[in-house]
């Protein structure tokens, strides 16, 4: 094989400069022979061309003058390392030699050095290493124990990628609960239409209808409802459209306290009747109107679901909240996460992964959400109890940093907002400025993966979905 460059200039064990003679590109993997350690894997971090063409000479070229232009291309290569006799990834401890040839790295060498390309059971197959035919997968135990995030701009394919991960979890009989604010995930019950891309990635259309249970207010496989008597007065007031919420707290609390003395469970009609019995003031009339509205949402009832109704071992439970107001969605997430986390700590339910779509709404960096506290608690303590979390968002800058920083594995699709890029740069270890810059130009269907398993961030082409994505995401056929 012909070399694609030669090492020159100041050379360190971890970073080298290479004069480019072949068609080397930013992001390419290369192999370089170290005098002591043998073949070492590197990655082209940046590449540039230097010329002798000044602005004055450029005007001469435009005027038709024949100008001799000299151009040299150089690349900076980040050294990833080599596997020693024990299979441990090591870095060279002494510099390379100037004048050493640089070669393209073959797929087998990349795969063995990065320790990827292995799709055994217990791993989630995400796709192929960008520009190579190397399968990439993530250890499922690592996802559950150390949390995971999926980030992309609106329309960048974050829900599509999350669907790929959920498909892999279903194959491995992982218990999953999905917070689905927009009703995107129930389509996974249907198989996808077969495409030419599937063959390249080695996947086929598949239905997981027997693995999925949809919970939805007034619909779905099962009705989504919580027990009203378990919701306190402060929570009820928080989801009402009241000009001065504090003024309504006392009359509502009196009505609820009176009910609790006589019955264990009650519904909105019971609270309204008690309010009428105690007081018929304008405050009570306003409360009655708000309570009637909440009653119409069919989410809080005399008898709601139990935790073991929602969490089904080895299956995916989709909590569909389409049509519910944002503050009610916050209450649902708060109630659900709190109940599931407490049950998991007592081992009343199996280990699980909780997928939270639109995570910036439920754990915002600024402002308040009723669900923020429990999101932070699960993010910081969940790993001790086998309670993993997958947070999904198009606005990394708007997610509580205490939540995002706990995600050991991060999958980032195209992001262009400067604040979001800054948030990613500050929360992701091992990102070079050029990799962060490249996130803005990622093609559709390509993700940057950061994982404790990987020595460097890795660009991966996301495999096609086996299930229907509801027609909301379009994958570019390459």
Protein backbone atom coordinates (compact mmCIF):
# COMPACT_ATOMS: atom_id res chain seq x y z
CA UNK A 1 0.00 0.00 0.00
CA UNK A 2 1.25 3.47 -0.90
CA UNK A 3 1.76 5.99 1.93
CA UNK A 4 -0.57 9.00 2.11
CA UNK A 5 1.89 11.22 3.91
CA UNK A 6 5.17 11.65 5.80
CA UNK A 7 5.73 12.80 9.40
CA UNK A 8 7.57 16.12 9.66
CA UNK A 9 8.31 18.97 12.06
CA UNK A 10 7.95 18.78 15.83
CA UNK A 11 6.69 15.34 16.80
CA UNK A 12 5.07 14.30 20.08
CA UNK A 13 3.95 10.83 21.20
CA UNK A 14 0.29 11.94 21.09
CA UNK A 15 0.15 14.48 18.22
CA UNK A 16 2.05 14.47 14.92
CA UNK A 17 2.12 16.55 11.76
CA UNK A 18 1.97 14.89 8.37
CA UNK A 19 2.68 16.22 4.87
CA UNK A 20 -0.17 14.92 2.70
CA UNK A 21 0.61 13.19 -0.58
CA UNK A 22 -2.58 11.12 -0.99
CA UNK A 23 -6.28 11.85 -0.77
CA UNK A 24 -6.31 12.16 3.00
CA UNK A 25 -9.41 13.77 4.58
CA UNK A 26 -10.29 15.15 7.99
CA UNK A 27 -11.62 12.32 10.14
CA UNK A 28 -9.71 9.55 8.30
CA UNK A 29 -8.00 6.83 10.35
CA UNK A 30 -4.33 6.17 9.68
CA UNK A 31 -1.64 3.77 10.89
CA UNK A 32 1.93 4.78 11.65
CA UNK A 33 4.83 2.51 12.64
CA UNK A 34 6.42 3.44 15.95
CA UNK A 35 10.09 2.37 16.39
CA UNK A 36 9.34 0.62 19.70
CA UNK A 37 5.61 -0.11 19.78
CA UNK A 38 4.90 -1.19 16.21
CA UNK A 39 1.78 -0.11 14.30
CA UNK A 40 -0.20 2.66 16.01
CA UNK A 41 -3.66 4.00 15.12
CA UNK A 42 -4.20 7.71 14.56
CA UNK A 43 -6.98 9.97 13.34
CA UNK A 44 -6.73 13.06 11.14
CA UNK A 45 -7.98 15.85 13.38
CA UNK A 46 -7.46 18.75 10.98
CA UNK A 47 -6.07 19.36 7.52
CA UNK A 48 -5.03 22.53 5.71
CA UNK A 49 -3.41 23.77 2.52
CA UNK A 50 -0.72 26.45 2.53
CA UNK A 51 0.08 28.39 -0.65
CA UNK A 52 2.36 31.15 -1.85
CA UNK A 53 -0.58 32.96 -3.47
CA UNK A 54 -0.90 36.44 -1.97
CA UNK A 55 -3.86 38.75 -2.49
CA UNK A 56 -1.79 40.79 -4.95
CA UNK A 57 -0.98 37.68 -7.00
CA UNK A 58 -4.65 36.64 -6.93
CA UNK A 59 -5.54 39.90 -8.73
CA UNK A 60 -2.88 39.09 -11.29
CA UNK A 61 -4.45 35.67 -11.85
CA UNK A 62 -7.85 37.35 -12.40
CA UNK A 63 -6.18 39.64 -14.95
CA UNK A 64 -5.00 36.61 -16.91
CA UNK A 65 -1.36 36.66 -15.78
CA UNK A 66 0.28 33.22 -15.56
CA UNK A 67 1.32 32.97 -11.89
CA UNK A 68 3.24 29.99 -10.51
CA UNK A 69 1.26 28.75 -7.51
CA UNK A 70 2.86 26.45 -4.99
CA UNK A 71 0.65 24.55 -2.55
CA UNK A 72 1.43 22.16 0.29
CA UNK A 73 -1.12 20.19 2.29
CA UNK A 74 -0.52 19.19 5.89
CA UNK A 75 -2.58 17.31 8.47
CA UNK A 76 -2.52 17.13 12.23
CA UNK A 77 -2.99 13.57 13.48
CA UNK A 78 -4.20 12.68 16.97
CA UNK A 79 -2.60 9.42 18.12
CA UNK A 80 -5.18 6.94 19.47
CA UNK A 81 -2.75 4.16 20.45
CA UNK A 82 -2.08 0.45 20.10
CA UNK A 83 -3.14 -2.76 21.87
CA UNK A 84 -0.40 -4.37 23.97
CA UNK A 85 0.11 -8.12 24.53
CA UNK A 86 -2.66 -8.08 27.17
CA UNK A 87 -5.10 -6.32 24.84
CA UNK A 88 -4.91 -3.04 26.77
CA UNK A 89 -4.92 0.20 24.77
CA UNK A 90 -1.62 2.01 25.25
CA UNK A 91 -0.09 5.26 24.01
CA UNK A 92 3.51 5.52 22.76
CA UNK A 93 5.78 6.96 25.43
CA UNK A 94 8.45 8.18 23.02
CA UNK A 95 8.10 10.27 19.83
CA UNK A 96 7.77 8.85 16.33
CA UNK A 97 10.61 9.40 13.91
CA UNK A 98 10.45 12.23 11.40
CA UNK A 99 10.17 10.94 7.85
CA UNK A 100 8.01 7.95 8.89
CA UNK A 101 5.39 7.10 6.24
CA UNK A 102 1.68 7.37 7.11
CA UNK A 103 -0.81 4.84 5.68
CA UNK A 104 -4.57 4.50 5.56
CA UNK A 105 -5.75 2.22 8.37
CA UNK A 106 -7.60 -0.92 7.27
CA UNK A 107 -11.00 -1.73 8.80
CA UNK A 108 -9.60 -4.70 10.71
CA UNK A 109 -6.87 -2.59 12.33
CA UNK A 110 -9.35 0.18 13.27
CA UNK A 111 -11.79 -2.37 14.68
CA UNK A 112 -9.22 -4.24 16.77
CA UNK A 113 -7.56 -1.10 18.13
CA UNK A 114 -10.83 0.60 19.09
CA UNK A 115 -12.27 -2.76 20.22
CA UNK A 116 -15.45 -2.33 18.20
CA UNK A 117 -17.19 -4.29 15.45
CA UNK A 118 -18.60 -6.83 17.90
CA UNK A 119 -22.35 -7.27 17.91
CA UNK A 120 -22.72 -10.06 20.45
CA UNK A 121 -25.77 -10.29 22.70
CA UNK A 122 -25.88 -7.63 25.36
CA UNK A 123 -24.86 -4.88 22.95
CA UNK A 124 -26.96 -2.40 20.98
CA UNK A 125 -26.06 -2.22 17.27
CA UNK A 126 -26.19 1.46 16.29
CA UNK A 127 -24.70 1.47 12.78
CA UNK A 128 -21.40 1.57 10.87
CA UNK A 129 -18.28 3.61 11.56
CA UNK A 130 -18.51 6.59 9.18
CA UNK A 131 -16.72 5.83 5.91
CA UNK A 132 -16.05 2.20 6.86
CA UNK A 133 -17.84 -1.14 6.92
CA UNK A 134 -17.25 -1.61 10.66
CA UNK A 135 -20.33 -2.34 12.83
CA UNK A 136 -20.58 -0.23 15.98
CA UNK A 137 -22.49 -1.23 19.09
CA UNK A 138 -22.85 0.00 22.69
CA UNK A 139 -22.82 -2.17 25.79
CA UNK A 140 -26.38 -2.19 27.15
CA UNK A 141 -25.35 -2.55 30.81
CA UNK A 142 -23.21 0.57 30.39
CA UNK A 143 -26.21 2.47 29.00
CA UNK A 144 -28.44 1.52 31.92
CA UNK A 145 -25.82 2.06 34.61
CA UNK A 146 -24.28 5.28 33.33
CA UNK A 147 -27.19 6.92 31.45
CA UNK A 148 -27.20 8.08 27.83
CA UNK A 149 -28.21 11.19 25.87
CA UNK A 150 -29.27 11.81 22.27
CA UNK A 151 -28.92 15.39 21.00
CA UNK A 152 -29.77 16.98 17.64
CA UNK A 153 -31.28 20.12 16.18
CA UNK A 154 -34.97 20.01 15.30
CA UNK A 155 -35.43 17.56 12.43
CA UNK A 156 -31.93 16.16 12.96
CA UNK A 157 -33.12 12.60 13.56
CA UNK A 158 -32.90 12.31 17.36
CA UNK A 159 -36.19 10.38 17.70
CA UNK A 160 -35.18 8.15 14.77
CA UNK A 161 -31.89 7.30 16.50
CA UNK A 162 -33.67 6.78 19.83
CA UNK A 163 -35.98 4.34 18.04
CA UNK A 164 -32.92 2.41 16.82
CA UNK A 165 -31.67 2.14 20.42
CA UNK A 166 -35.09 1.01 21.67
CA UNK A 167 -35.23 -1.69 18.95
CA UNK A 168 -31.93 -3.04 20.22
CA UNK A 169 -33.14 -2.97 23.81
CA UNK A 170 -36.23 -4.97 22.83
CA UNK A 171 -34.05 -7.61 21.16
CA UNK A 172 -32.18 -7.97 24.44
CA UNK A 173 -35.36 -8.11 26.59
CA UNK A 174 -34.54 -4.88 28.44
CA UNK A 175 -37.40 -3.28 30.39
CA UNK A 176 -38.05 0.22 29.00
CA UNK A 177 -40.45 3.08 29.82
CA UNK A 178 -40.71 5.90 27.26
CA UNK A 179 -41.98 9.39 28.09
CA UNK A 180 -43.52 10.34 24.74
CA UNK A 181 -44.93 13.91 24.68
CA UNK A 182 -45.82 13.87 20.95
CA UNK A 183 -47.02 10.33 20.29
CA UNK A 184 -44.02 9.39 18.11
CA UNK A 185 -43.17 5.91 19.36
CA UNK A 186 -46.36 3.85 19.00
CA UNK A 187 -45.48 3.49 15.27
CA UNK A 188 -42.77 1.04 16.37
CA UNK A 189 -45.48 -1.62 16.51
CA UNK A 190 -45.41 -1.63 12.70
CA UNK A 191 -42.57 -2.91 10.54
CA UNK A 192 -40.69 -0.49 8.29
CA UNK A 193 -40.79 -0.63 4.50
CA UNK A 194 -37.79 -2.56 3.16
CA UNK A 195 -35.11 -0.41 1.53
CA UNK A 196 -31.77 -0.88 -0.24
CA UNK A 197 -29.99 0.76 2.71
CA UNK A 198 -31.07 -2.06 5.01
CA UNK A 199 -28.94 -4.59 3.14
CA UNK A 200 -25.79 -2.50 3.58
CA UNK A 201 -26.36 -2.32 7.33
CA UNK A 202 -27.52 -5.91 7.66
CA UNK A 203 -31.01 -5.23 9.05
CA UNK A 204 -34.50 -6.25 7.96
CA UNK A 205 -38.01 -4.87 8.63
CA UNK A 206 -39.38 -6.09 11.93
CA UNK A 207 -42.50 -5.58 14.07
CA UNK A 208 -42.27 -5.48 17.84
CA UNK A 209 -46.01 -5.26 18.51
CA UNK A 210 -45.80 -8.04 21.10
CA UNK A 211 -43.11 -6.12 23.00
CA UNK A 212 -44.86 -2.74 23.19
CA UNK A 213 -47.69 -1.50 25.41
CA UNK A 214 -49.03 2.02 24.79
CA UNK A 215 -50.55 3.96 27.69
CA UNK A 216 -52.57 7.00 26.61
CA UNK A 217 -55.32 9.18 28.18
CA UNK A 218 -58.59 7.79 26.89
CA UNK A 219 -56.91 5.44 24.41
CA UNK A 220 -53.89 3.28 23.57
CA UNK A 221 -53.56 -0.34 24.67
CA UNK A 222 -54.29 0.81 28.20
CA UNK A 223 -55.68 4.02 29.61
CA UNK A 224 -53.09 6.31 31.17
CA UNK A 225 -54.47 7.46 34.51
CA UNK A 226 -53.09 8.24 37.96
CA UNK A 227 -54.86 8.07 41.31
CA UNK A 228 -56.08 11.55 42.21
CA UNK A 229 -55.85 10.99 45.98
CA UNK A 230 -52.06 10.50 45.62
CA UNK A 231 -51.66 14.00 44.17
CA UNK A 232 -51.26 16.71 46.82
CA UNK A 233 -52.95 20.11 46.81
CA UNK A 234 -49.77 21.96 45.84
CA UNK A 235 -49.42 19.77 42.73
CA UNK A 236 -53.07 20.34 41.77
CA UNK A 237 -52.76 24.11 42.15
CA UNK A 238 -49.59 24.08 40.00
CA UNK A 239 -51.47 22.72 36.96
CA UNK A 240 -54.43 25.11 37.20
CA UNK A 241 -54.70 28.33 35.23
CA UNK A 242 -55.09 30.67 38.20
CA UNK A 243 -54.21 34.37 38.39
CA UNK A 244 -53.14 34.16 42.05
CA UNK A 245 -52.61 30.48 42.94
CA UNK A 246 -51.88 31.18 46.62
CA UNK A 247 -55.41 32.54 47.18
CA UNK A 248 -56.92 29.20 46.18
CA UNK A 249 -54.71 26.94 48.24
CA UNK A 250 -56.65 27.13 51.55
CA UNK A 251 -60.18 26.43 50.23
CA UNK A 252 -58.93 23.54 48.08
CA UNK A 253 -56.93 22.07 50.96
CA UNK A 254 -59.97 22.24 53.26
CA UNK A 255 -62.09 20.38 50.73
CA UNK A 256 -59.45 17.70 50.14
CA UNK A 257 -58.77 17.26 53.89
CA UNK A 258 -62.50 16.83 54.54
CA UNK A 259 -62.72 14.14 51.86
CA UNK A 260 -59.72 12.26 53.25
CA UNK A 261 -61.44 11.94 56.62
CA UNK A 262 -64.30 9.98 55.08
CA UNK A 263 -62.96 8.18 51.98
CA UNK A 264 -59.65 6.67 50.84
CA UNK A 265 -60.02 7.51 47.16
CA UNK A 266 -61.97 10.24 45.44
CA UNK A 267 -62.37 11.91 42.04
CA UNK A 268 -62.78 15.48 40.79
CA UNK A 269 -66.56 15.35 41.18
CA UNK A 270 -66.11 14.53 44.86
CA UNK A 271 -63.82 17.56 45.35
CA UNK A 272 -66.24 19.85 43.47
CA UNK A 273 -69.20 18.67 45.59
CA UNK A 274 -67.21 19.23 48.78
CA UNK A 275 -66.25 22.74 47.66
CA UNK A 276 -69.93 23.55 47.02
CA UNK A 277 -70.86 22.18 50.44
CA UNK A 278 -68.23 24.22 52.26
CA UNK A 279 -68.25 27.48 50.38
CA UNK A 280 -69.91 28.99 47.30
CA UNK A 281 -67.64 32.01 46.98
CA UNK A 282 -66.11 33.23 43.71
CA UNK A 283 -62.87 31.46 44.69
CA UNK A 284 -64.69 28.13 44.96
CA UNK A 285 -66.51 28.71 41.68
CA UNK A 286 -63.19 29.36 39.91
CA UNK A 287 -61.72 26.22 41.48
CA UNK A 288 -64.75 24.21 40.35
CA UNK A 289 -64.25 25.41 36.79
CA UNK A 290 -60.54 24.47 36.82
CA UNK A 291 -61.23 21.09 38.42
CA UNK A 292 -63.84 20.34 35.75
CA UNK A 293 -61.25 21.10 33.08
CA UNK A 294 -58.68 18.79 34.70
CA UNK A 295 -61.37 16.12 34.93
CA UNK A 296 -61.90 16.36 31.16
CA UNK A 297 -58.24 15.43 30.54
CA UNK A 298 -58.90 11.90 31.89
CA UNK A 299 -55.49 11.69 33.52
CA UNK A 300 -56.35 11.82 37.26
CA UNK A 301 -59.06 9.45 38.47
CA UNK A 302 -60.40 7.70 41.56
CA UNK A 303 -58.33 4.64 40.70
CA UNK A 304 -55.24 4.93 38.51
CA UNK A 305 -52.53 2.59 37.31
CA UNK A 306 -50.20 0.84 39.73
CA UNK A 307 -46.45 0.85 39.16
CA UNK A 308 -46.44 -2.84 38.30
CA UNK A 309 -49.16 -2.17 35.70
CA UNK A 310 -46.78 0.20 33.89
CA UNK A 311 -43.45 -1.59 34.23
CA UNK A 312 -43.60 -4.94 32.43
CA UNK A 313 -40.41 -7.00 32.54
CA UNK A 314 -38.74 -7.28 29.14
CA UNK A 315 -41.24 -4.98 27.42
CA UNK A 316 -41.49 -1.33 26.35
CA UNK A 317 -44.16 0.82 27.99
CA UNK A 318 -44.91 4.01 26.04
CA UNK A 319 -46.38 6.83 28.11
CA UNK A 320 -48.10 8.81 25.37
CA UNK A 321 -48.97 12.37 26.46
CA UNK A 322 -49.98 13.93 23.13
CA UNK A 323 -52.64 16.59 23.73
CA UNK A 324 -51.91 17.10 27.43
CA UNK A 325 -50.93 20.67 28.45
CA UNK A 326 -47.22 21.17 29.31
CA UNK A 327 -47.82 21.64 33.05
CA UNK A 328 -49.88 18.45 33.21
CA UNK A 329 -47.12 16.61 31.33
CA UNK A 330 -44.65 17.84 33.96
CA UNK A 331 -46.89 16.46 36.71
CA UNK A 332 -47.15 13.10 34.91
CA UNK A 333 -43.35 12.87 34.54
CA UNK A 334 -42.82 13.87 38.18
CA UNK A 335 -45.36 11.34 39.48
CA UNK A 336 -44.16 8.56 37.23
CA UNK A 337 -40.42 9.00 37.83
CA UNK A 338 -40.89 9.33 41.59
CA UNK A 339 -43.06 6.20 41.84
CA UNK A 340 -40.83 4.11 39.58
CA UNK A 341 -37.62 5.20 41.32
CA UNK A 342 -38.99 4.45 44.79
CA UNK A 343 -40.25 1.06 43.60
CA UNK A 344 -36.92 0.24 41.97
CA UNK A 345 -35.00 1.12 45.16
CA UNK A 346 -37.15 -1.45 46.98
CA UNK A 347 -36.67 -3.92 44.07
CA UNK A 348 -40.41 -4.11 43.48
CA UNK A 349 -39.83 -3.66 39.74
CA UNK A 350 -37.02 -4.97 37.47
CA UNK A 351 -34.01 -2.86 36.36
CA UNK A 352 -35.11 -0.51 33.58
CA UNK A 353 -34.19 2.27 31.22
CA UNK A 354 -36.36 5.39 31.22
CA UNK A 355 -36.41 7.30 27.90
CA UNK A 356 -37.33 10.98 28.37
CA UNK A 357 -38.16 12.83 25.13
CA UNK A 358 -38.05 16.65 25.16
CA UNK A 359 -35.95 16.41 28.32
CA UNK A 360 -35.31 20.17 28.37
CA UNK A 361 -39.00 20.67 29.24
CA UNK A 362 -38.84 18.35 32.25
CA UNK A 363 -35.42 19.34 33.60
CA UNK A 364 -34.70 22.88 32.34
CA UNK A 365 -31.42 24.63 33.05
CA UNK A 366 -33.33 27.87 33.72
CA UNK A 367 -36.83 28.32 35.08
CA UNK A 368 -38.83 25.74 37.00
CA UNK A 369 -40.49 22.47 36.18
CA UNK A 370 -42.29 20.29 38.69
CA UNK A 371 -40.29 17.29 37.43
CA UNK A 372 -36.82 18.89 37.68
CA UNK A 373 -35.93 17.61 41.14
CA UNK A 374 -36.74 13.96 40.48
CA UNK A 375 -34.94 14.10 37.10
CA UNK A 376 -31.79 15.31 38.89
CA UNK A 377 -32.18 12.63 41.57
CA UNK A 378 -32.52 9.80 39.05
CA UNK A 379 -29.58 11.15 37.03
CA UNK A 380 -27.27 11.23 40.07
CA UNK A 381 -28.50 8.15 41.99
CA UNK A 382 -30.23 5.90 39.46
CA UNK A 383 -27.11 3.97 38.48
CA UNK A 384 -26.83 2.56 42.04
CA UNK A 385 -30.25 0.94 41.69
CA UNK A 386 -30.30 -0.24 38.07
CA UNK A 387 -32.45 2.70 36.96
CA UNK A 388 -30.99 4.13 33.75
CA UNK A 389 -32.10 7.20 31.86
CA UNK A 390 -31.92 8.16 28.18
CA UNK A 391 -32.49 11.89 27.75
CA UNK A 392 -33.46 13.20 24.30
CA UNK A 393 -33.47 16.87 23.32
CA UNK A 394 -32.91 19.35 20.50
CA UNK A 395 -31.65 21.97 22.98
CA UNK A 396 -28.62 20.76 25.00
CA UNK A 397 -28.11 24.29 26.37
CA UNK A 398 -31.57 24.24 27.95
CA UNK A 399 -31.18 20.93 29.84
CA UNK A 400 -30.18 21.01 33.50
CA UNK A 401 -26.41 20.50 33.45
CA UNK A 402 -26.68 18.25 36.51
CA UNK A 403 -28.71 15.84 34.35
CA UNK A 404 -26.69 16.09 31.12
CA UNK A 405 -23.32 15.73 32.86
CA UNK A 406 -24.38 12.37 34.33
CA UNK A 407 -24.79 10.81 30.85
CA UNK A 408 -21.73 8.62 30.30
CA UNK A 409 -22.68 7.88 26.68
CA UNK A 410 -23.68 10.71 24.37
CA UNK A 411 -24.88 10.45 20.77
CA UNK A 412 -24.87 13.81 19.00
CA UNK A 413 -26.36 14.40 15.56
CA UNK A 414 -26.23 17.70 13.69
CA UNK A 415 -26.32 20.72 16.02
CA UNK A 416 -25.89 24.31 14.81
CA UNK A 417 -27.06 26.60 17.62
CA UNK A 418 -23.97 28.30 19.18
CA UNK A 419 -25.32 27.97 22.74
CA UNK A 420 -26.02 24.27 22.24
CA UNK A 421 -22.54 23.70 20.79
CA UNK A 422 -21.05 25.49 23.78
CA UNK A 423 -23.06 23.29 26.15
CA UNK A 424 -21.89 20.16 24.32
CA UNK A 425 -18.27 21.30 24.38
CA UNK A 426 -18.37 21.92 28.13
CA UNK A 427 -20.12 18.64 29.01
CA UNK A 428 -18.39 16.17 26.68
CA UNK A 429 -14.87 14.95 27.44
CA UNK A 430 -12.37 14.33 24.66
CA UNK A 431 -13.94 16.62 22.03
CA UNK A 432 -11.36 18.52 19.99
CA UNK A 433 -12.29 21.94 18.51
CA UNK A 434 -12.36 20.41 15.01
CA UNK A 435 -14.77 17.65 16.11
CA UNK A 436 -17.03 20.23 17.72
CA UNK A 437 -16.90 22.26 14.52
CA UNK A 438 -17.74 19.17 12.46
CA UNK A 439 -20.96 18.58 14.46
CA UNK A 440 -22.41 21.61 12.64
CA UNK A 441 -21.90 19.94 9.26
CA UNK A 442 -22.83 16.33 9.99
CA UNK A 443 -24.84 14.71 7.19
CA UNK A 444 -28.32 13.42 8.04
CA UNK A 445 -28.10 10.02 9.69
CA UNK A 446 -24.57 10.45 11.12
CA UNK A 447 -23.91 10.77 14.85
CA UNK A 448 -20.88 11.57 16.96
CA UNK A 449 -20.64 8.96 19.73
CA UNK A 450 -18.85 9.59 23.01
CA UNK A 451 -18.67 6.57 25.33
CA UNK A 452 -16.53 5.30 28.23
CA UNK A 453 -15.80 2.31 25.96
CA UNK A 454 -14.19 4.50 23.29
CA UNK A 455 -10.73 6.07 23.50
CA UNK A 456 -11.84 8.87 21.14
CA UNK A 457 -15.21 10.22 19.95
CA UNK A 458 -16.44 8.24 16.94
CA UNK A 459 -18.56 9.24 13.94
CA UNK A 460 -21.17 6.58 13.17
CA UNK A 461 -23.71 6.20 10.35
CA UNK A 462 -26.96 5.31 12.10
CA UNK A 463 -28.50 2.10 10.75
CA UNK A 464 -32.01 2.16 9.22
CA UNK A 465 -34.92 1.53 11.54
CA UNK A 466 -36.50 -1.93 11.44
CA UNK A 467 -39.79 -0.43 12.56
CA UNK A 468 -41.99 2.35 11.20
CA UNK A 469 -40.96 5.85 12.28
CA UNK A 470 -44.39 7.30 11.52
CA UNK A 471 -43.14 9.15 8.44
CA UNK A 472 -41.72 11.97 10.57
CA UNK A 473 -38.07 11.32 9.72
CA UNK A 474 -36.51 10.93 6.30
CA UNK A 475 -33.22 9.10 6.02
CA UNK A 476 -30.90 10.14 3.21
CA UNK A 477 -29.99 7.17 1.00
CA UNK A 478 -26.28 7.42 0.31
